[in-house]
C-alpha atoms as a PDB file:
ATOM      1  CA  UNK A   1      -4.240 -34.175-231.805  1.00  0.00           C
ATOM      2  CA  UNK A   2      -2.557 -34.962-235.091  1.00  0.00           C
ATOM      3  CA  UNK A   3       0.729 -33.400-233.928  1.00  0.00           C
ATOM      4  CA  UNK A   4       0.639 -35.586-230.829  1.00  0.00           C
ATOM      5  CA  UNK A   5       0.035 -38.719-232.899  1.00  0.00           C
ATOM      6  CA  UNK A   6       2.718 -37.759-235.420  1.00  0.00           C
ATOM      7  CA  UNK A   7       5.111 -37.648-232.454  1.00  0.00           C
ATOM      8  CA  UNK A   8       4.273 -41.282-231.704  1.00  0.00           C
ATOM      9  CA  UNK A   9       2.043 -40.693-228.672  1.00  0.00           C
ATOM     10  CA  UNK A  10      -1.620 -41.366-228.086  1.00  0.00           C
ATOM     11  CA  UNK A  11      -3.969 -38.396-227.806  1.00  0.00           C
ATOM     12  CA  UNK A  12      -6.722 -37.862-225.282  1.00  0.00           C
ATOM     13  CA  UNK A  13      -9.228 -35.247-224.285  1.00  0.00           C
ATOM     14  CA  UNK A  14     -10.721 -34.380-220.888  1.00  0.00           C
ATOM     15  CA  UNK A  15     -14.336 -33.258-220.524  1.00  0.00           C
ATOM     16  CA  UNK A  16     -15.596 -31.224-217.568  1.00  0.00           C
ATOM     17  CA  UNK A  17     -19.062 -31.937-216.108  1.00  0.00           C
ATOM     18  CA  UNK A  18     -20.578 -28.803-217.689  1.00  0.00           C
ATOM     19  CA  UNK A  19     -19.294 -29.603-221.191  1.00  0.00           C
ATOM     20  CA  UNK A  20     -21.840 -31.425-223.355  1.00  0.00           C
ATOM     21  CA  UNK A  21     -20.489 -34.774-224.576  1.00  0.00           C
ATOM     22  CA  UNK A  22     -21.847 -33.907-228.024  1.00  0.00           C
ATOM     23  CA  UNK A  23     -19.122 -31.269-228.299  1.00  0.00           C
ATOM     24  CA  UNK A  24     -16.708 -34.139-228.973  1.00  0.00           C
ATOM     25  CA  UNK A  25     -18.449 -35.295-232.163  1.00  0.00           C
ATOM     26  CA  UNK A  26     -15.976 -33.589-234.499  1.00  0.00           C
ATOM     27  CA  UNK A  27     -12.841 -34.848-232.727  1.00  0.00           C
ATOM     28  CA  UNK A  28     -13.916 -38.215-231.353  1.00  0.00           C
ATOM     29  CA  UNK A  29     -12.419 -40.149-234.272  1.00  0.00           C
ATOM     30  CA  UNK A  30      -9.008 -38.577-233.529  1.00  0.00           C
ATOM     31  CA  UNK A  31      -9.059 -39.277-229.786  1.00  0.00           C
ATOM     32  CA  UNK A  32      -7.518 -42.458-228.413  1.00  0.00           C
ATOM     33  CA  UNK A  33      -9.042 -41.770-224.984  1.00  0.00           C
ATOM     34  CA  UNK A  34     -11.673 -39.547-223.368  1.00  0.00           C
ATOM     35  CA  UNK A  35     -11.414 -38.670-219.679  1.00  0.00           C
ATOM     36  CA  UNK A  36     -14.915 -37.911-218.436  1.00  0.00           C
ATOM     37  CA  UNK A  37     -14.752 -35.811-215.275  1.00  0.00           C
ATOM     38  CA  UNK A  38     -17.471 -36.719-212.772  1.00  0.00           C
ATOM     39  CA  UNK A  39     -16.675 -33.775-210.475  1.00  0.00           C
ATOM     40  CA  UNK A  40     -15.499 -30.234-211.141  1.00  0.00           C
ATOM     41  CA  UNK A  41     -11.700 -30.359-211.352  1.00  0.00           C
ATOM     42  CA  UNK A  42      -9.523 -28.675-208.775  1.00  0.00           C
ATOM     43  CA  UNK A  43     -11.373 -29.361-205.538  1.00  0.00           C
ATOM     44  CA  UNK A  44     -10.667 -32.587-203.661  1.00  0.00           C
ATOM     45  CA  UNK A  45     -13.319 -34.508-201.753  1.00  0.00           C
ATOM     46  CA  UNK A  46     -16.247 -33.699-204.012  1.00  0.00           C
ATOM     47  CA  UNK A  47     -19.128 -36.083-204.389  1.00  0.00           C
ATOM     48  CA  UNK A  48     -19.764 -37.913-207.639  1.00  0.00           C
ATOM     49  CA  UNK A  49     -22.176 -36.015-209.917  1.00  0.00           C
ATOM     50  CA  UNK A  50     -24.950 -38.549-210.688  1.00  0.00           C
ATOM     51  CA  UNK A  51     -25.640 -36.987-214.123  1.00  0.00           C
ATOM     52  CA  UNK A  52     -22.192 -38.293-215.101  1.00  0.00           C
ATOM     53  CA  UNK A  53     -23.700 -41.741-215.640  1.00  0.00           C
ATOM     54  CA  UNK A  54     -26.009 -40.428-218.381  1.00  0.00           C
ATOM     55  CA  UNK A  55     -23.085 -38.566-219.954  1.00  0.00           C
ATOM     56  CA  UNK A  56     -21.062 -41.793-219.846  1.00  0.00           C
ATOM     57  CA  UNK A  57     -23.859 -43.689-221.621  1.00  0.00           C
ATOM     58  CA  UNK A  58     -24.108 -40.969-224.254  1.00  0.00           C
ATOM     59  CA  UNK A  59     -20.342 -40.991-224.839  1.00  0.00           C
ATOM     60  CA  UNK A  60     -20.230 -44.779-225.066  1.00  0.00           C
ATOM     61  CA  UNK A  61     -23.121 -44.792-227.542  1.00  0.00           C
ATOM     62  CA  UNK A  62     -21.385 -42.206-229.726  1.00  0.00           C
ATOM     63  CA  UNK A  63     -18.177 -44.228-229.772  1.00  0.00           C
ATOM     64  CA  UNK A  64     -20.050 -47.455-230.556  1.00  0.00           C
ATOM     65  CA  UNK A  65     -22.116 -45.797-233.291  1.00  0.00           C
ATOM     66  CA  UNK A  66     -18.938 -44.673-235.047  1.00  0.00           C
ATOM     67  CA  UNK A  67     -17.280 -48.046-234.323  1.00  0.00           C
ATOM     68  CA  UNK A  68     -14.258 -46.349-232.755  1.00  0.00           C
ATOM     69  CA  UNK A  69     -11.648 -47.976-230.505  1.00  0.00           C
ATOM     70  CA  UNK A  70     -11.661 -44.914-228.214  1.00  0.00           C
ATOM     71  CA  UNK A  71     -11.145 -45.703-224.533  1.00  0.00           C
ATOM     72  CA  UNK A  72     -13.221 -44.035-221.818  1.00  0.00           C
ATOM     73  CA  UNK A  73     -11.867 -43.141-218.388  1.00  0.00           C
ATOM     74  CA  UNK A  74     -13.835 -41.505-215.598  1.00  0.00           C
ATOM     75  CA  UNK A  75     -12.366 -39.473-212.767  1.00  0.00           C
ATOM     76  CA  UNK A  76     -13.639 -37.827-209.637  1.00  0.00           C
ATOM     77  CA  UNK A  77     -15.786 -38.699-206.661  1.00  0.00           C
ATOM     78  CA  UNK A  78     -15.559 -42.430-207.177  1.00  0.00           C
ATOM     79  CA  UNK A  79     -15.589 -44.231-203.837  1.00  0.00           C
ATOM     80  CA  UNK A  80     -16.237 -47.658-202.414  1.00  0.00           C
END
């Protein structure tokens, strides 16, 4: 991520549904954004994985605890 930032861009990381959010602890301070996938990538039309809401809460709590400005995005299965 440092190379990306040294180039003047913002750095982000994407997290698949099976990846524990805690795996980000060591890099969270370097990330400008985290994309939390709420479906398994690569297959259109999937339904939102309800456990994603708990993962979102956990990620948000970790960011708040460290007082980071990291943005959170969520992608997949979001409908009206």
